[in-house]
Every structure is written in C-alpha cells, then in structure tokens.
N, C-alpha and C. Protein backbone atom coordinates (compact mmCIF):
# COMPACT_ATOMS: atom_id res chain seq x y z
N MET A 1 -167.38 -83.53 106.12
CA MET A 1 -168.10 -84.53 105.95
C MET A 1 -168.14 -84.71 107.75
N SER A 2 -169.05 -85.35 108.21
CA SER A 2 -169.54 -85.80 109.42
C SER A 2 -169.07 -87.15 109.74
N VAL A 3 -168.74 -87.44 110.98
CA VAL A 3 -168.82 -88.77 111.45
C VAL A 3 -169.51 -89.25 112.20
N PRO A 4 -169.75 -90.62 111.97
CA PRO A 4 -171.28 -91.06 112.60
C PRO A 4 -171.24 -91.74 113.81
N ARG A 5 -171.99 -91.43 114.54
CA ARG A 5 -172.17 -91.74 116.05
C ARG A 5 -172.17 -93.11 116.28
N VAL A 6 -172.75 -93.87 115.27
CA VAL A 6 -172.96 -94.95 115.30
C VAL A 6 -172.67 -96.19 114.25
N THR A 7 -171.83 -97.00 114.10
CA THR A 7 -171.83 -97.54 112.83
C THR A 7 -171.86 -99.53 113.14
N LEU A 8 -172.15 -100.01 112.23
CA LEU A 8 -172.09 -101.27 112.08
C LEU A 8 -171.20 -102.30 111.68
N THR A 9 -171.10 -103.79 111.96
CA THR A 9 -170.16 -104.53 111.12
C THR A 9 -170.94 -105.18 110.22
N ASP A 10 -170.16 -105.67 109.37
CA ASP A 10 -170.69 -106.58 108.02
C ASP A 10 -171.62 -107.45 108.51
N GLU A 11 -171.01 -108.13 109.70
CA GLU A 11 -171.59 -109.25 110.16
C GLU A 11 -173.35 -108.90 110.70
N ALA A 12 -173.28 -107.58 111.60
CA ALA A 12 -174.31 -106.84 112.00
C ALA A 12 -175.30 -106.77 111.02
N LYS A 13 -174.94 -106.23 109.75
CA LYS A 13 -175.62 -106.05 108.58
C LYS A 13 -176.36 -107.14 107.95
N ASN A 14 -175.34 -108.37 107.92
CA ASN A 14 -175.94 -109.29 107.37
C ASN A 14 -177.51 -110.12 108.55
N ILE A 15 -177.32 -109.63 109.81
CA ILE A 15 -178.28 -110.32 110.52
C ILE A 15 -179.49 -109.38 110.22
N ILE A 16 -179.10 -107.75 110.33
CA ILE A 16 -180.42 -106.98 110.09
C ILE A 16 -181.16 -107.30 109.15
N ALA A 17 -180.23 -107.47 107.93
CA ALA A 17 -180.99 -108.08 106.44
C ALA A 17 -182.20 -108.96 106.80
N GLN A 18 -181.70 -109.94 107.35
CA GLN A 18 -182.75 -111.49 107.68
C GLN A 18 -183.40 -110.95 108.70
N LEU A 19 -183.39 -110.14 109.67
CA LEU A 19 -184.44 -109.63 110.58
C LEU A 19 -185.31 -108.68 109.92
N ARG A 20 -184.94 -107.84 108.79
CA ARG A 20 -185.87 -107.07 108.10
C ARG A 20 -186.75 -107.99 106.95
N GLU A 21 -186.48 -108.74 106.63
CA GLU A 21 -187.07 -109.87 105.89
C GLU A 21 -188.12 -110.30 106.15
N GLU A 22 -188.00 -110.85 107.49
CA GLU A 22 -188.98 -111.17 108.44
C GLU A 22 -190.01 -110.52 109.18
N HIS A 23 -189.20 -108.97 109.51
CA HIS A 23 -190.56 -108.69 110.58
C HIS A 23 -190.62 -106.89 109.91
N GLY A 24 -189.78 -106.58 108.77
CA GLY A 24 -189.88 -105.55 107.82
C GLY A 24 -189.17 -104.14 108.64
N PRO A 25 -189.60 -103.28 108.82
CA PRO A 25 -188.56 -102.01 109.33
C PRO A 25 -188.28 -102.05 110.57
N LEU A 26 -186.83 -101.47 111.08
CA LEU A 26 -186.51 -101.96 112.11
C LEU A 26 -185.73 -100.69 113.23
N MET A 27 -185.71 -100.82 114.11
CA MET A 27 -185.30 -99.97 115.06
C MET A 27 -184.52 -100.45 116.23
N PHE A 28 -183.21 -99.73 116.58
CA PHE A 28 -182.93 -99.75 117.47
C PHE A 28 -182.48 -98.76 119.17
N HIS A 29 -182.55 -99.59 120.12
CA HIS A 29 -182.53 -98.77 121.30
C HIS A 29 -181.44 -99.07 121.88
N GLN A 30 -180.29 -98.58 122.39
CA GLN A 30 -179.36 -98.94 123.42
C GLN A 30 -179.81 -99.05 124.83
N SER A 31 -179.71 -99.96 125.37
CA SER A 31 -180.09 -100.74 126.53
C SER A 31 -179.24 -99.73 127.73
N GLY A 32 -179.95 -99.33 128.83
CA GLY A 32 -179.19 -98.99 129.63
C GLY A 32 -178.88 -99.59 130.74
N GLY A 33 -179.03 -101.18 130.67
CA GLY A 33 -178.27 -101.88 131.87
C GLY A 33 -179.23 -102.72 132.63
N CYS A 34 -180.66 -102.23 132.81
CA CYS A 34 -181.38 -103.04 133.98
C CYS A 34 -181.42 -104.65 133.87
N CYS A 35 -182.21 -105.21 132.83
CA CYS A 35 -182.33 -106.54 132.79
C CYS A 35 -181.15 -106.91 131.75
N ASP A 36 -180.60 -106.55 130.66
CA ASP A 36 -180.36 -106.76 129.48
C ASP A 36 -178.95 -106.68 129.24
N GLY A 37 -178.34 -105.98 130.47
CA GLY A 37 -177.24 -105.33 130.68
C GLY A 37 -177.17 -104.05 129.76
N SER A 38 -175.99 -103.93 129.20
CA SER A 38 -175.77 -102.33 128.51
C SER A 38 -175.83 -103.20 126.88
N GLN A 39 -176.63 -103.27 126.42
CA GLN A 39 -176.90 -104.00 124.87
C GLN A 39 -177.89 -102.96 124.14
N PRO A 40 -177.34 -103.36 122.51
CA PRO A 40 -178.45 -102.63 121.59
C PRO A 40 -179.39 -103.74 121.62
N MET A 41 -180.62 -102.94 121.41
CA MET A 41 -181.81 -103.83 121.20
C MET A 41 -182.52 -103.53 120.19
N CYS A 42 -183.21 -104.64 119.21
CA CYS A 42 -183.76 -104.16 117.96
C CYS A 42 -185.15 -104.66 117.85
N TYR A 43 -185.74 -104.07 117.66
CA TYR A 43 -187.44 -103.75 117.54
C TYR A 43 -187.83 -103.94 116.43
N PRO A 44 -188.81 -104.50 115.83
CA PRO A 44 -189.60 -103.73 114.48
C PRO A 44 -189.95 -102.53 115.06
N ASP A 45 -189.82 -101.68 113.66
CA ASP A 45 -190.28 -100.18 114.30
C ASP A 45 -191.25 -99.71 114.80
N GLY A 46 -190.94 -99.30 115.75
CA GLY A 46 -192.50 -98.52 116.58
C GLY A 46 -192.49 -99.26 117.72
N GLU A 47 -191.92 -100.70 118.01
CA GLU A 47 -192.57 -101.59 118.94
C GLU A 47 -192.19 -100.96 120.22
N PHE A 48 -191.02 -100.32 120.10
CA PHE A 48 -190.38 -99.65 121.23
C PHE A 48 -190.70 -98.42 121.68
N ARG A 49 -191.29 -97.85 122.27
CA ARG A 49 -191.92 -96.62 122.56
C ARG A 49 -190.67 -95.59 123.06
N VAL A 50 -190.11 -94.56 122.35
CA VAL A 50 -189.27 -93.76 122.55
C VAL A 50 -189.93 -92.46 122.75
N GLY A 51 -189.19 -91.50 124.08
CA GLY A 51 -189.90 -90.44 124.14
C GLY A 51 -188.90 -89.34 124.76
N ASN A 52 -188.99 -88.37 125.18
CA ASN A 52 -187.96 -86.99 125.36
C ASN A 52 -187.36 -87.33 126.26
N SER A 53 -187.00 -88.61 126.96
CA SER A 53 -186.12 -89.16 127.53
C SER A 53 -184.87 -89.69 126.67
N ASP A 54 -185.10 -89.86 125.51
CA ASP A 54 -184.19 -90.25 124.30
C ASP A 54 -183.63 -89.44 123.69
N ILE A 55 -182.86 -90.14 122.72
CA ILE A 55 -182.01 -89.24 121.87
C ILE A 55 -181.70 -90.41 120.33
N LYS A 56 -182.12 -89.48 119.30
CA LYS A 56 -181.96 -90.36 118.13
C LYS A 56 -180.21 -90.21 117.93
N LEU A 57 -179.55 -91.14 118.15
CA LEU A 57 -178.15 -91.34 117.65
C LEU A 57 -177.63 -91.14 116.40
N GLY A 58 -178.38 -91.96 115.42
CA GLY A 58 -177.96 -91.48 114.24
C GLY A 58 -178.89 -93.02 113.28
N GLU A 59 -178.54 -93.44 112.22
CA GLU A 59 -178.99 -94.67 111.66
C GLU A 59 -177.98 -95.90 111.38
N ILE A 60 -178.52 -96.88 111.30
CA ILE A 60 -177.52 -97.99 111.06
C ILE A 60 -178.24 -98.88 110.00
N ASP A 61 -178.05 -99.07 108.51
CA ASP A 61 -178.34 -99.61 107.49
C ASP A 61 -180.01 -99.18 107.37
N GLY A 62 -179.98 -97.65 107.47
CA GLY A 62 -181.22 -97.55 107.65
C GLY A 62 -182.63 -97.56 109.09
N CYS A 63 -181.72 -97.65 109.69
CA CYS A 63 -182.46 -98.24 111.12
C CYS A 63 -182.45 -97.33 112.41
N PRO A 64 -183.09 -96.29 112.59
CA PRO A 64 -183.12 -95.37 113.27
C PRO A 64 -182.39 -95.92 114.64
N PHE A 65 -181.42 -95.27 115.12
CA PHE A 65 -180.80 -95.80 116.57
C PHE A 65 -180.90 -94.81 117.52
N TYR A 66 -181.74 -95.31 118.48
CA TYR A 66 -181.57 -94.34 119.98
C TYR A 66 -181.01 -94.73 121.16
N ILE A 67 -180.74 -93.75 122.01
CA ILE A 67 -180.00 -94.33 123.41
C ILE A 67 -180.67 -93.26 124.41
N ALA A 68 -181.05 -93.78 125.71
CA ALA A 68 -181.31 -92.81 126.58
C ALA A 68 -180.47 -91.77 126.92
N ARG A 69 -180.71 -90.30 127.15
CA ARG A 69 -179.94 -89.05 127.31
C ARG A 69 -179.24 -89.49 128.63
N ASP A 70 -179.47 -90.16 129.69
CA ASP A 70 -178.54 -90.49 130.74
C ASP A 70 -177.41 -91.68 130.21
N GLN A 71 -177.98 -92.43 129.29
CA GLN A 71 -177.02 -93.28 128.87
C GLN A 71 -175.84 -92.28 127.78
N TYR A 72 -176.49 -91.76 127.10
CA TYR A 72 -175.81 -90.69 126.08
C TYR A 72 -174.56 -90.05 127.16
N GLU A 73 -175.03 -89.32 128.15
CA GLU A 73 -173.90 -88.77 128.79
C GLU A 73 -172.58 -89.72 128.91
N TYR A 74 -172.80 -91.10 129.18
CA TYR A 74 -171.48 -91.99 129.28
C TYR A 74 -170.55 -91.92 127.73
N TRP A 75 -171.60 -91.90 126.98
CA TRP A 75 -171.28 -92.48 125.66
C TRP A 75 -170.85 -91.48 124.86
N LYS A 76 -171.19 -90.26 124.99
CA LYS A 76 -171.10 -88.91 123.93
C LYS A 76 -169.60 -88.96 123.51
N HIS A 77 -168.88 -89.45 124.10
CA HIS A 77 -167.53 -89.01 123.47
C HIS A 77 -166.86 -90.31 122.76
N MET A 78 -167.74 -91.18 122.63
CA MET A 78 -167.36 -92.61 121.72
C MET A 78 -168.09 -92.70 120.67
N GLN A 79 -167.63 -93.27 119.45
CA GLN A 79 -168.21 -94.03 118.56
C GLN A 79 -168.94 -95.55 118.73
N LEU A 80 -169.90 -95.55 118.55
CA LEU A 80 -170.44 -96.96 118.76
C LEU A 80 -170.42 -97.94 117.64
N THR A 81 -169.92 -98.80 117.95
CA THR A 81 -169.83 -99.81 116.85
C THR A 81 -170.81 -100.93 117.21
N ILE A 82 -172.00 -101.46 116.13
CA ILE A 82 -172.49 -102.64 116.56
C ILE A 82 -172.47 -103.72 115.94
N ASP A 83 -171.87 -104.94 116.70
CA ASP A 83 -171.52 -106.12 116.39
C ASP A 83 -172.55 -107.05 116.84
N VAL A 84 -172.36 -108.39 116.27
CA VAL A 84 -173.35 -109.32 116.28
C VAL A 84 -172.22 -110.44 117.07
N LYS A 85 -172.60 -111.31 118.16
CA LYS A 85 -171.93 -112.47 118.74
C LYS A 85 -173.03 -113.89 118.58
N GLU A 86 -172.37 -114.46 118.32
CA GLU A 86 -173.09 -116.30 118.86
C GLU A 86 -173.47 -116.40 120.28
N GLY A 87 -174.62 -116.83 120.25
CA GLY A 87 -174.93 -117.29 121.68
C GLY A 87 -176.05 -116.18 121.88
N ARG A 88 -176.93 -116.64 122.88
CA ARG A 88 -178.37 -116.12 123.16
C ARG A 88 -178.14 -115.51 124.95
N GLY A 89 -178.57 -113.74 124.14
CA GLY A 89 -178.55 -112.98 125.38
C GLY A 89 -179.75 -113.18 126.58
N ALA A 90 -180.29 -112.82 127.26
CA ALA A 90 -181.07 -112.84 128.02
C ALA A 90 -181.62 -111.30 127.56
N SER A 91 -182.66 -111.27 126.80
CA SER A 91 -183.01 -109.97 125.91
C SER A 91 -184.21 -110.01 125.24
N PHE A 92 -185.10 -109.20 125.25
CA PHE A 92 -186.04 -109.09 124.32
C PHE A 92 -185.99 -108.55 122.83
N SER A 93 -184.87 -108.42 122.55
CA SER A 93 -184.53 -108.21 121.15
C SER A 93 -184.53 -109.28 120.55
N ILE A 94 -185.14 -109.22 118.68
CA ILE A 94 -185.55 -109.54 118.03
C ILE A 94 -184.72 -110.78 117.37
N GLU A 95 -183.53 -110.47 117.70
CA GLU A 95 -182.55 -111.73 116.90
C GLU A 95 -182.12 -112.67 117.72
N ILE A 96 -182.51 -112.73 118.88
CA ILE A 96 -182.24 -113.73 119.70
C ILE A 96 -182.61 -115.20 119.45
N PRO A 97 -183.75 -115.52 118.78
CA PRO A 97 -183.91 -116.88 118.23
C PRO A 97 -183.39 -117.18 117.06
N LEU A 98 -182.61 -116.24 116.30
CA LEU A 98 -181.25 -116.74 115.69
C LEU A 98 -180.00 -117.20 116.32
N GLY A 99 -180.06 -117.42 117.70
CA GLY A 99 -178.92 -117.65 118.21
C GLY A 99 -177.56 -117.28 118.46
N VAL A 100 -178.30 -115.39 117.79
CA VAL A 100 -176.98 -114.47 118.21
C VAL A 100 -177.49 -113.15 118.74
N ARG A 101 -176.73 -112.48 119.12
CA ARG A 101 -177.08 -111.12 120.29
C ARG A 101 -176.12 -110.34 119.54
N PHE A 102 -176.84 -108.84 119.46
CA PHE A 102 -176.43 -107.81 119.06
C PHE A 102 -175.45 -107.52 120.22
N MET A 103 -174.20 -106.54 120.13
CA MET A 103 -173.33 -106.03 121.27
C MET A 103 -172.80 -104.77 120.45
N THR A 104 -172.69 -103.97 121.72
CA THR A 104 -171.94 -102.85 121.37
C THR A 104 -170.43 -102.21 121.81
N LYS A 105 -169.61 -102.25 120.76
CA LYS A 105 -168.30 -102.07 120.87
C LYS A 105 -168.08 -100.36 121.04
N SER A 106 -167.19 -99.62 121.64
CA SER A 106 -166.99 -98.58 121.23
C SER A 106 -165.37 -97.98 121.17
N ARG A 107 -165.38 -96.57 121.18
CA ARG A 107 -163.95 -96.22 120.77
C ARG A 107 -164.41 -94.86 120.81
N ILE A 108 -162.94 -94.08 121.49
CA ILE A 108 -162.93 -92.99 122.06
C ILE A 108 -162.89 -92.27 120.63
N PHE A 109 -163.78 -90.69 120.51
CA PHE A 109 -163.54 -89.95 119.30
C PHE A 109 -162.11 -89.60 119.34
N THR A 110 -161.37 -89.15 118.08
CA THR A 110 -160.19 -88.11 118.17
C THR A 110 -160.79 -86.83 118.01
N ASP A 111 -160.01 -85.54 118.71
CA ASP A 111 -160.01 -84.42 118.47
C ASP A 111 -160.81 -84.23 117.12
N GLU A 112 -160.13 -84.34 116.00
CA GLU A 112 -160.62 -83.93 114.73
C GLU A 112 -162.11 -84.35 115.08
N GLU A 113 -162.39 -85.67 114.82
CA GLU A 113 -163.61 -85.99 114.86
C GLU A 113 -164.63 -85.72 115.62
N ILE A 114 -163.91 -84.89 116.68
CA ILE A 114 -165.07 -84.32 117.86
C ILE A 114 -165.58 -83.06 116.92
N GLU A 115 -164.76 -82.26 116.32
CA GLU A 115 -165.23 -81.35 115.43
C GLU A 115 -165.87 -81.36 114.37
N GLN A 116 -166.38 -82.73 114.04
CA GLN A 116 -167.02 -82.78 112.70
C GLN A 116 -168.26 -83.35 113.23
N LEU A 117 -168.69 -83.60 114.54
CA LEU A 117 -169.55 -84.57 114.89
C LEU A 117 -170.88 -83.49 114.93
N GLU A 118 -171.92 -84.38 114.47
CA GLU A 118 -173.01 -83.19 114.24
C GLU A 118 -173.91 -83.52 115.56
N PRO A 119 -174.53 -82.56 116.11
CA PRO A 119 -175.66 -83.41 117.46
C PRO A 119 -176.49 -84.20 117.23
N PRO A 120 -176.91 -84.98 118.24
CA PRO A 120 -177.69 -85.91 118.17
C PRO A 120 -179.10 -85.26 118.22
N GLU A 121 -180.21 -85.85 117.46
CA GLU A 121 -181.46 -85.48 117.39
C GLU A 121 -182.29 -85.55 118.72
N ALA A 122 -182.82 -84.74 119.20
CA ALA A 122 -184.24 -84.92 120.10
C ALA A 122 -185.07 -85.60 119.73
N VAL A 123 -185.74 -86.48 120.78
CA VAL A 123 -187.38 -87.00 120.59
C VAL A 123 -188.28 -86.49 120.79
N GLU A 124 -189.21 -86.19 120.02
CA GLU A 124 -190.19 -85.57 120.39
C GLU A 124 -191.65 -86.56 120.90
N ALA A 125 -191.99 -86.81 121.77
CA ALA A 125 -192.87 -87.93 122.12
C ALA A 125 -194.52 -87.21 122.04
C-alpha cells in the first residue's frame, strides 16, 4: 500500500465540498511563497495553468494537487496535510470569500513510508 504525499483534514474536506458545489471541479497548487506566502491555492479546475515546471503530487478529495518542482525539492521528504483556518489570507484562492483559508501542515516521512512512496507525476504542458 502506498503512502499519500498529500492528505487533508475533515475540516478542509468540508470546505472543498462547499466550493465544489459552487464552482464545480477543483484543483490545488502549492504556492511558492511570492505574494501569498507558502499556502495551497484552490481554483476551479483548469483556471490555474500548470506546466513543465510543476509536478502532480497527488489528489485530495478528487482534486488534483500540484506543486512547483523547486518547491517539491524542499518538501519531498514530507507528507503535506491540507487544513483550513478561519481568517482571510491575502490570496487568489477561492475559499477566501468564505472567511477561511487553506494552509499546509507537514511532517517528515518515516524510513518505512519513504520506501512505499510512489514517484510524483510530471506535468506535460
């Protein structure tokens, strides 16, 4: 059984359900820290253009989750857990009008988990 590289909390799953109801299929991209700090960004599926510089890390609740290759180098030894927190972030992410923001928590994989990881998918532009 493989270990997921990205997971989510029940609270985040509830927000995704609300957003999906309003916006349809969704996607996530882990921000690299420019304007938005380093937080996961949620968009209607296809509204954020991913390319050769991105990697598909996995899926959360049926939503593809992407990260920039250079960010992946920093996070590749960690499992990311997407959570939600009250308060507005300075973000283009679509959860902001709900008065919440997604956030990334991380933990280092164990040696046993590292052996079970599947490689992330390269993105073809």
